[in-house]
Structures are given as structure tokens and as C-alpha cells.
C-alpha atoms as a PDB file:
ATOM      1  CA  MET A   1       7.439  18.044  -4.784  1.00  0.00           C
ATOM      2  CA  GLU A   2       7.725  15.708  -1.724  1.00  0.00           C
ATOM      3  CA  LEU A   3       6.049  12.667  -1.168  1.00  0.00           C
ATOM      4  CA  ARG A   4       3.278  13.951   1.734  1.00  0.00           C
ATOM      5  CA  ILE A   5       1.521  11.493   3.945  1.00  0.00           C
ATOM      6  CA  LYS A   6      -1.787  11.930   6.259  1.00  0.00           C
ATOM      7  CA  ALA A   7      -2.466   9.651   8.547  1.00  0.00           C
ATOM      8  CA  THR A   8      -6.122   8.385   9.929  1.00  0.00           C
ATOM      9  CA  ILE A   9      -5.166   5.889  12.363  1.00  0.00           C
ATOM     10  CA  CYS A  10      -8.661   3.951  14.087  1.00  0.00           C
ATOM     11  CA  SER A  11      -8.258   0.735  16.900  1.00  0.00           C
ATOM     12  CA  GLY A  12      -5.280  -1.194  14.464  1.00  0.00           C
ATOM     13  CA  PHE A  13      -6.608   0.206  11.085  1.00  0.00           C
ATOM     14  CA  ALA A  14      -4.658   2.591   9.550  1.00  0.00           C
ATOM     15  CA  ILE A  15      -5.385   4.732   6.176  1.00  0.00           C
ATOM     16  CA  LEU A  16      -2.239   6.556   5.032  1.00  0.00           C
ATOM     17  CA  ALA A  17      -2.980   9.432   2.276  1.00  0.00           C
ATOM     18  CA  LEU A  18      -0.124   9.897   0.142  1.00  0.00           C
ATOM     19  CA  SER A  19       0.431  13.333  -2.013  1.00  0.00           C
ATOM     20  CA  GLY A  20       3.141  14.555  -4.365  1.00  0.00           C
ATOM     21  CA  LYS A  21       5.987  12.133  -5.538  1.00  0.00           C
ATOM     22  CA  LEU A  22       6.793   8.570  -3.975  1.00  0.00           C
ATOM     23  CA  ARG A  23      10.880   8.192  -5.638  1.00  0.00           C
ATOM     24  CA  VAL A  24      13.946   7.596  -4.828  1.00  0.00           C
ATOM     25  CA  LEU A  25      15.567   8.622  -1.803  1.00  0.00           C
ATOM     26  CA  ASP A  26      12.552   9.205   0.105  1.00  0.00           C
ATOM     27  CA  SER A  27      12.073   7.112   3.052  1.00  0.00           C
ATOM     28  CA  SER A  28       9.335   8.870   4.561  1.00  0.00           C
ATOM     29  CA  LEU A  29       6.544   6.705   3.772  1.00  0.00           C
ATOM     30  CA  HIS A  30       8.611   3.602   4.956  1.00  0.00           C
ATOM     31  CA  ARG A  31       9.323   4.847   8.517  1.00  0.00           C
ATOM     32  CA  THR A  32       5.971   6.242   8.480  1.00  0.00           C
ATOM     33  CA  LEU A  33       4.765   2.294   8.311  1.00  0.00           C
ATOM     34  CA  ASN A  34       7.465   1.195  10.456  1.00  0.00           C
ATOM     35  CA  ALA A  35       6.443   3.314  13.538  1.00  0.00           C
ATOM     36  CA  LEU A  36       2.491   2.127  12.606  1.00  0.00           C
ATOM     37  CA  LEU A  37       3.380  -1.436  12.653  1.00  0.00           C
ATOM     38  CA  ALA A  38       5.471  -1.006  15.914  1.00  0.00           C
ATOM     39  CA  ARG A  39       2.703   0.576  17.544  1.00  0.00           C
ATOM     40  CA  GLY A  40       0.577  -2.352  16.484  1.00  0.00           C
ATOM     41  CA  CYS A  41      -1.328  -1.018  13.440  1.00  0.00           C
ATOM     42  CA  HIS A  42      -2.400  -4.417  11.580  1.00  0.00           C
ATOM     43  CA  GLU A  43      -4.543  -3.399   8.636  1.00  0.00           C
ATOM     44  CA  PHE A  44      -3.228  -0.578   6.343  1.00  0.00           C
ATOM     45  CA  VAL A  45      -4.805   1.313   3.123  1.00  0.00           C
ATOM     46  CA  LEU A  46      -2.819   3.449   0.715  1.00  0.00           C
ATOM     47  CA  ASP A  47      -4.794   6.392  -0.421  1.00  0.00           C
ATOM     48  CA  LEU A  48      -3.315   7.105  -4.014  1.00  0.00           C
ATOM     49  CA  SER A  49      -5.405   9.478  -5.095  1.00  0.00           C
ATOM     50  CA  GLU A  50      -3.326  12.663  -4.628  1.00  0.00           C
ATOM     51  CA  LEU A  51      -0.246  10.952  -5.518  1.00  0.00           C
ATOM     52  CA  GLU A  52       1.086  12.167  -8.378  1.00  0.00           C
ATOM     53  CA  TYR A  53       4.171  10.295  -9.297  1.00  0.00           C
ATOM     54  CA  ILE A  54       6.166   7.433  -8.758  1.00  0.00           C
ATOM     55  CA  ASP A  55       9.003   5.477  -9.944  1.00  0.00           C
ATOM     56  CA  CYS A  56      10.582   2.086  -9.882  1.00  0.00           C
ATOM     57  CA  SER A  57      12.278   3.102  -6.340  1.00  0.00           C
ATOM     58  CA  GLY A  58       8.697   4.170  -5.401  1.00  0.00           C
ATOM     59  CA  LEU A  59       7.298   1.542  -6.904  1.00  0.00           C
ATOM     60  CA  SER A  60       9.733  -0.841  -4.615  1.00  0.00           C
ATOM     61  CA  GLN A  61       8.960   0.752  -1.597  1.00  0.00           C
ATOM     62  CA  LEU A  62       5.752  -0.195  -1.796  1.00  0.00           C
ATOM     63  CA  ILE A  63       7.036  -4.098  -2.372  1.00  0.00           C
ATOM     64  CA  ARG A  64       9.411  -3.362   0.574  1.00  0.00           C
ATOM     65  CA  ILE A  65       6.483  -2.364   2.570  1.00  0.00           C
ATOM     66  CA  LEU A  66       3.930  -4.677   1.580  1.00  0.00           C
ATOM     67  CA  ASN A  67       6.173  -7.513   2.322  1.00  0.00           C
ATOM     68  CA  ALA A  68       6.953  -6.287   6.115  1.00  0.00           C
ATOM     69  CA  ILE A  69       3.153  -5.937   6.823  1.00  0.00           C
ATOM     70  CA  ARG A  70       2.569  -9.248   5.315  1.00  0.00           C
ATOM     71  CA  ASP A  71       5.651 -10.685   7.198  1.00  0.00           C
ATOM     72  CA  ARG A  72       3.762  -9.313  10.806  1.00  0.00           C
ATOM     73  CA  GLY A  73       0.637 -10.899   9.877  1.00  0.00           C
ATOM     74  CA  GLY A  74      -1.252  -7.825   8.125  1.00  0.00           C
ATOM     75  CA  VAL A  75      -3.479  -6.505   5.192  1.00  0.00           C
ATOM     76  CA  LEU A  76      -2.226  -4.003   2.916  1.00  0.00           C
ATOM     77  CA  ALA A  77      -4.328  -2.287  -0.138  1.00  0.00           C
ATOM     78  CA  LEU A  78      -3.801   0.238  -2.600  1.00  0.00           C
ATOM     79  CA  SER A  79      -6.666   2.972  -2.687  1.00  0.00           C
ATOM     80  CA  ARG A  80      -8.073   5.504  -5.299  1.00  0.00           C
ATOM     81  CA  PRO A  81      -4.834   5.526  -8.074  1.00  0.00           C
ATOM     82  CA  GLN A  82      -4.964   8.481 -10.231  1.00  0.00           C
ATOM     83  CA  PRO A  83      -5.101   6.221 -13.996  1.00  0.00           C
ATOM     84  CA  HIS A  84      -1.809   7.032 -14.751  1.00  0.00           C
ATOM     85  CA  ILE A  85      -0.299   5.666 -11.154  1.00  0.00           C
ATOM     86  CA  LEU A  86      -2.730   2.490 -12.070  1.00  0.00           C
ATOM     87  CA  ARG A  87      -1.585   2.319 -14.992  1.00  0.00           C
ATOM     88  CA  ILE A  88       1.979   1.797 -14.183  1.00  0.00           C
ATOM     89  CA  LEU A  89       0.926  -0.544 -11.625  1.00  0.00           C
ATOM     90  CA  GLN A  90      -0.924  -3.037 -14.628  1.00  0.00           C
ATOM     91  CA  ILE A  91       2.304  -2.446 -16.628  1.00  0.00           C
ATOM     92  CA  THR A  92       4.512  -3.894 -13.938  1.00  0.00           C
ATOM     93  CA  LYS A  93       2.057  -6.711 -12.826  1.00  0.00           C
ATOM     94  CA  LEU A  94       2.111  -5.158  -9.720  1.00  0.00           C
ATOM     95  CA  ASP A  95      -1.588  -4.734 -10.384  1.00  0.00           C
ATOM     96  CA  SER A  96      -1.875  -8.413  -9.433  1.00  0.00           C
ATOM     97  CA  VAL A  97       0.503  -8.240  -6.069  1.00  0.00           C
ATOM     98  CA  PHE A  98      -1.567  -5.258  -4.571  1.00  0.00           C
ATOM     99  CA  MET A  99      -5.349  -5.206  -4.065  1.00  0.00           C
ATOM    100  CA  ILE A 100      -6.444  -2.063  -5.454  1.00  0.00           C
ATOM    101  CA  GLN A 101      -9.801  -0.605  -4.269  1.00  0.00           C
ATOM    102  CA  GLU A 102     -11.705   2.133  -5.486  1.00  0.00           C
ATOM    103  CA  ASN A 103     -12.765   3.233  -2.227  1.00  0.00           C
ATOM    104  CA  ARG A 104     -10.713   3.536   0.826  1.00  0.00           C
ATOM    105  CA  CYS A 105     -13.253   1.987   3.230  1.00  0.00           C
ATOM    106  CA  ARG A 106     -12.370  -0.243   5.713  1.00  0.00           C
ATOM    107  CA  THR A 107     -14.785  -2.567   5.127  1.00  0.00           C
ATOM    108  CA  ASN A 108     -13.236  -3.786   1.792  1.00  0.00           C
ATOM    109  CA  ILE A 109     -10.113  -4.696   3.386  1.00  0.00           C
ATOM    110  CA  SER A 110     -10.662  -7.810   4.996  1.00  0.00           C
ATOM    111  CA  ARG A 111      -7.997 -10.364   6.098  1.00  0.00           C
ATOM    112  CA  GLU A 112      -9.564 -12.968   4.570  1.00  0.00           C
ATOM    113  CA  ALA A 113     -10.095 -11.169   0.902  1.00  0.00           C
ATOM    114  CA  THR A 114      -6.208 -10.010   0.904  1.00  0.00           C
ATOM    115  CA  GLN A 115      -4.384 -13.203   1.890  1.00  0.00           C
ATOM    116  CA  GLU A 116      -6.807 -14.955  -0.995  1.00  0.00           C
ATOM    117  CA  ALA A 117      -5.448 -11.970  -3.187  1.00  0.00           C
ATOM    118  CA  ILE A 118      -2.236 -12.796  -2.559  1.00  0.00           C
ATOM    119  CA  TRP A 119      -1.761 -16.517  -1.762  1.00  0.00           C
ATOM    120  CA  ASN A 120      -4.013 -17.286  -5.363  1.00  0.00           C
ATOM    121  CA  LEU A 121      -0.997 -15.357  -7.361  1.00  0.00           C
ATOM    122  CA  PRO A 122       0.894 -17.808  -9.258  1.00  0.00           C
ATOM    123  CA  GLY A 123       4.043 -19.282  -7.195  1.00  0.00           C
ATOM    124  CA  CYS A 124       2.939 -18.314  -4.200  1.00  0.00           C
ATOM    125  CA  PRO A 125       2.259 -21.311  -1.143  1.00  0.00           C
ATOM    126  CA  GLN A 126      -0.723 -22.255  -0.805  1.00  0.00           C
END
């Protein structure tokens, strides 16, 4: 099953609901986020509640996306990952890199909270 992306955008804030599989050779998420960044979106939530599968290339895409958003002064949160996806994030220690939230409300993704979560990681500049 291909990756499907449903975007909800309002005032520079975007919720992207992902379903299917995020894997090698699928660059649609990266293209979508780059287009939204170019349109002025700076706050992103990736709703992973219907994402069925992610491989190492999919994880790499998430990291590249996070870096692209950060480079433009934006913030990113991962929302509602299924238990097996959350376990992959935990095993790879990416749960300490990404802000992960249980719901997808905008009120839970403030720039300050996300930056605090990111900048308090070991090895990050203060």
C-alpha cells in the first residue's frame, strides 16, 4: 500500500495525516512538506495513527523533514503513532529527537515546548 497524505492547513499550521507505508523510494511526504514550507507553513503535526509501516528509509525521511523544518524556524510533532511505530521510534531513540503527542491539537505544539524538547537533548547547542 502506498503512502497517502491528507493535509489540513490553517494560518501557517499544517496537520498531515499519513496512512499506508512510509518506505524506500517514497518521496511524496518530503515533497509535500517542502511545498508547504514554501507556502509559509511553519508548524507541522504528522498524524501517524493510520501509518501501518515504516522502514529505515522512512525514518530517514522523518529526520530530513525535521531538519528542513528546523532550518526554516519551524516546529514538528509526531502525533498518535500506532504501538509498533512508537516501539520503532523508541528502539532507535528517535522518541528523544521528535516531540510525540497523544492527540493532534494545535495547542499541544507550541514553538517553545518543541524547541525546549529539541534543545535539551545531549549534544545540541544551547
